[in-house]
Amino acid sequence: GFHIEDAVSAPLYYGYGEDGSRSAHARSVEGTIMERARDTVLVLVKASPQVIAERMRQNPHPRGVLQEKDIEHVLKRFEEEYAASNIRYRLTLDTTAATEQETLAQFVKDIGPHLSERDRTRLLAHRALQGME
């Protein structure tokens, strides 16, 4: 999703793309993704503004660009880019009240319908091999 992060962050923090060109570029990147990897799943990971602010205070990223005053705007922009995406398979994970383990469990549950037959076969083979150890 770096193309989406670019569409959100570039106009806000880096001084380019204010004209919507980064969003247009994101759609172009998605066109290439859909040509080469049709089964791609776009995952929107989100949390409430209050939780994000608290997480930023508790565990600041050393090179983070997001400013607390921009959290609501950035959340809105990610939602807009997600809605505009050309990637057909999507899921949303709201981590507001979920632990990392709960979020992973939700992902595993939600990704299931998007897996190809080949993916399912590889998972079954992997599980079978793990059971043999």
Protein backbone atom coordinates (compact mmCIF):
# COMPACT_ATOMS: atom_id res chain seq x y z
CA GLY A 1 0.00 0.00 0.00
CA PHE A 2 2.93 2.40 -0.32
CA HIS A 3 1.22 3.99 -3.31
CA ILE A 4 -1.73 4.87 -1.08
CA GLU A 5 0.50 6.16 1.71
CA ASP A 6 2.18 8.38 -0.88
CA ALA A 7 -1.19 9.72 -2.06
CA VAL A 8 -2.08 10.60 1.54
CA SER A 9 1.28 11.84 2.85
CA ALA A 10 2.84 13.62 -0.15
CA PRO A 11 0.42 16.57 -0.26
CA LEU A 12 0.37 16.90 3.51
CA TYR A 13 4.05 16.56 4.42
CA TYR A 14 6.22 16.64 1.32
CA GLY A 15 4.79 19.47 -0.77
CA TYR A 16 3.74 17.66 -3.89
CA GLY A 17 0.54 16.09 -5.14
CA GLU A 18 -1.80 18.78 -3.82
CA ASP A 19 -3.50 18.72 -7.23
CA GLY A 20 -4.59 15.10 -6.78
CA SER A 21 -1.79 13.78 -8.96
CA ARG A 22 -0.63 11.33 -6.28
CA SER A 23 -4.12 9.82 -6.10
CA ALA A 24 -4.12 9.51 -9.89
CA HIS A 25 -0.70 7.91 -9.70
CA ALA A 26 -1.99 5.48 -7.06
CA ARG A 27 -4.76 4.36 -9.42
CA SER A 28 -2.14 3.88 -12.15
CA VAL A 29 -0.01 1.74 -9.82
CA GLU A 30 -3.11 -0.30 -8.99
CA GLY A 31 -3.72 -0.87 -12.69
CA THR A 32 -0.29 -2.47 -12.91
CA ILE A 33 -0.93 -4.47 -9.74
CA MET A 34 -4.21 -5.78 -11.16
CA GLU A 35 -2.50 -6.76 -14.43
CA ARG A 36 0.27 -8.67 -12.70
CA ALA A 37 -1.30 -9.86 -9.44
CA ARG A 38 -5.07 -10.03 -9.84
CA ASP A 39 -5.54 -11.76 -6.49
CA THR A 40 -3.97 -8.91 -4.48
CA VAL A 41 -5.90 -8.06 -1.33
CA LEU A 42 -5.88 -4.48 -0.06
CA VAL A 43 -6.02 -4.30 3.73
CA LEU A 44 -7.00 -1.09 5.50
CA VAL A 45 -5.68 -1.15 9.07
CA LYS A 46 -7.19 1.57 11.20
CA ALA A 47 -7.91 2.67 14.77
CA SER A 48 -9.70 5.55 16.41
CA PRO A 49 -7.92 8.92 16.45
CA GLN A 50 -7.60 8.77 20.24
CA VAL A 51 -5.98 5.33 20.17
CA ILE A 52 -3.58 6.36 17.41
CA ALA A 53 -2.54 9.45 19.38
CA GLU A 54 -1.99 7.38 22.51
CA ARG A 55 0.06 4.79 20.59
CA MET A 56 2.16 7.58 19.08
CA ARG A 57 2.90 8.94 22.55
CA GLN A 58 3.67 5.51 24.04
CA ASN A 59 5.79 4.21 21.17
CA PRO A 60 6.97 7.05 18.93
CA HIS A 61 8.41 6.11 15.54
CA PRO A 62 11.92 7.53 15.22
CA ARG A 63 11.24 8.85 11.70
CA GLY A 64 7.46 9.15 11.84
CA VAL A 65 5.92 11.98 9.88
CA LEU A 66 2.35 11.83 11.16
CA GLN A 67 1.56 14.70 13.49
CA GLU A 68 -1.14 14.34 16.13
CA LYS A 69 -3.06 17.33 14.77
CA ASP A 70 -3.38 15.51 11.41
CA ILE A 71 -4.65 12.14 12.62
CA GLU A 72 -8.32 12.66 11.75
CA HIS A 73 -7.47 14.09 8.33
CA VAL A 74 -5.08 11.22 7.56
CA LEU A 75 -7.65 8.61 8.64
CA LYS A 76 -10.22 10.25 6.35
CA ARG A 77 -7.78 10.33 3.44
CA PHE A 78 -6.85 6.66 3.87
CA GLU A 79 -10.57 5.80 3.85
CA GLU A 80 -11.01 7.85 0.66
CA GLU A 81 -8.07 6.19 -1.09
CA TYR A 82 -9.27 2.76 0.04
CA ALA A 83 -12.74 3.50 -1.34
CA ALA A 84 -11.28 4.76 -4.65
CA SER A 85 -8.92 1.81 -5.06
CA ASN A 86 -9.10 -0.39 -8.15
CA ILE A 87 -8.03 -3.42 -6.13
CA ARG A 88 -11.14 -5.56 -5.99
CA TYR A 89 -10.38 -7.74 -2.98
CA ARG A 90 -10.37 -5.75 0.25
CA LEU A 91 -10.72 -6.05 3.96
CA THR A 92 -10.58 -3.70 6.91
CA LEU A 93 -9.03 -4.38 10.29
CA ASP A 94 -9.99 -2.02 13.10
CA THR A 95 -7.34 -2.29 15.80
CA THR A 96 -8.90 0.24 18.16
CA ALA A 97 -9.75 -2.32 20.85
CA ALA A 98 -7.92 -5.37 19.49
CA THR A 99 -4.61 -6.83 20.58
CA GLU A 100 -2.01 -7.80 17.99
CA GLN A 101 -3.04 -11.44 18.39
CA GLU A 102 -6.74 -10.60 17.95
CA THR A 103 -5.95 -8.53 14.86
CA LEU A 104 -3.94 -11.38 13.36
CA ALA A 105 -6.75 -13.84 14.12
CA GLN A 106 -9.25 -11.51 12.43
CA PHE A 107 -6.97 -11.21 9.40
CA VAL A 108 -6.64 -14.98 9.13
CA LYS A 109 -10.44 -15.31 9.29
CA ASP A 110 -11.12 -12.50 6.81
CA ILE A 111 -8.44 -13.44 4.26
CA GLY A 112 -9.84 -16.96 3.82
CA PRO A 113 -12.43 -16.14 1.15
CA HIS A 114 -9.78 -14.31 -0.88
CA LEU A 115 -7.33 -17.22 -1.04
CA SER A 116 -6.95 -19.06 -4.31
CA GLU A 117 -7.19 -22.83 -4.57
CA ARG A 118 -3.40 -22.88 -4.94
CA ASP A 119 -3.03 -20.83 -1.73
CA ARG A 120 -5.31 -23.21 0.14
CA THR A 121 -3.39 -26.25 -1.10
CA ARG A 122 -0.07 -24.72 -0.03
CA LEU A 123 -1.49 -23.96 3.43
CA LEU A 124 -2.76 -27.50 3.82
CA ALA A 125 0.61 -28.92 2.75
CA HIS A 126 2.42 -26.61 5.15
CA ARG A 127 0.17 -27.61 8.04
CA ALA A 128 0.64 -31.28 7.19
CA LEU A 129 4.42 -30.89 7.18
CA GLN A 130 4.34 -29.08 10.53
CA GLY A 131 2.33 -31.94 12.01
CA MET A 132 5.04 -34.37 10.97
CA GLU A 133 7.76 -32.67 13.02
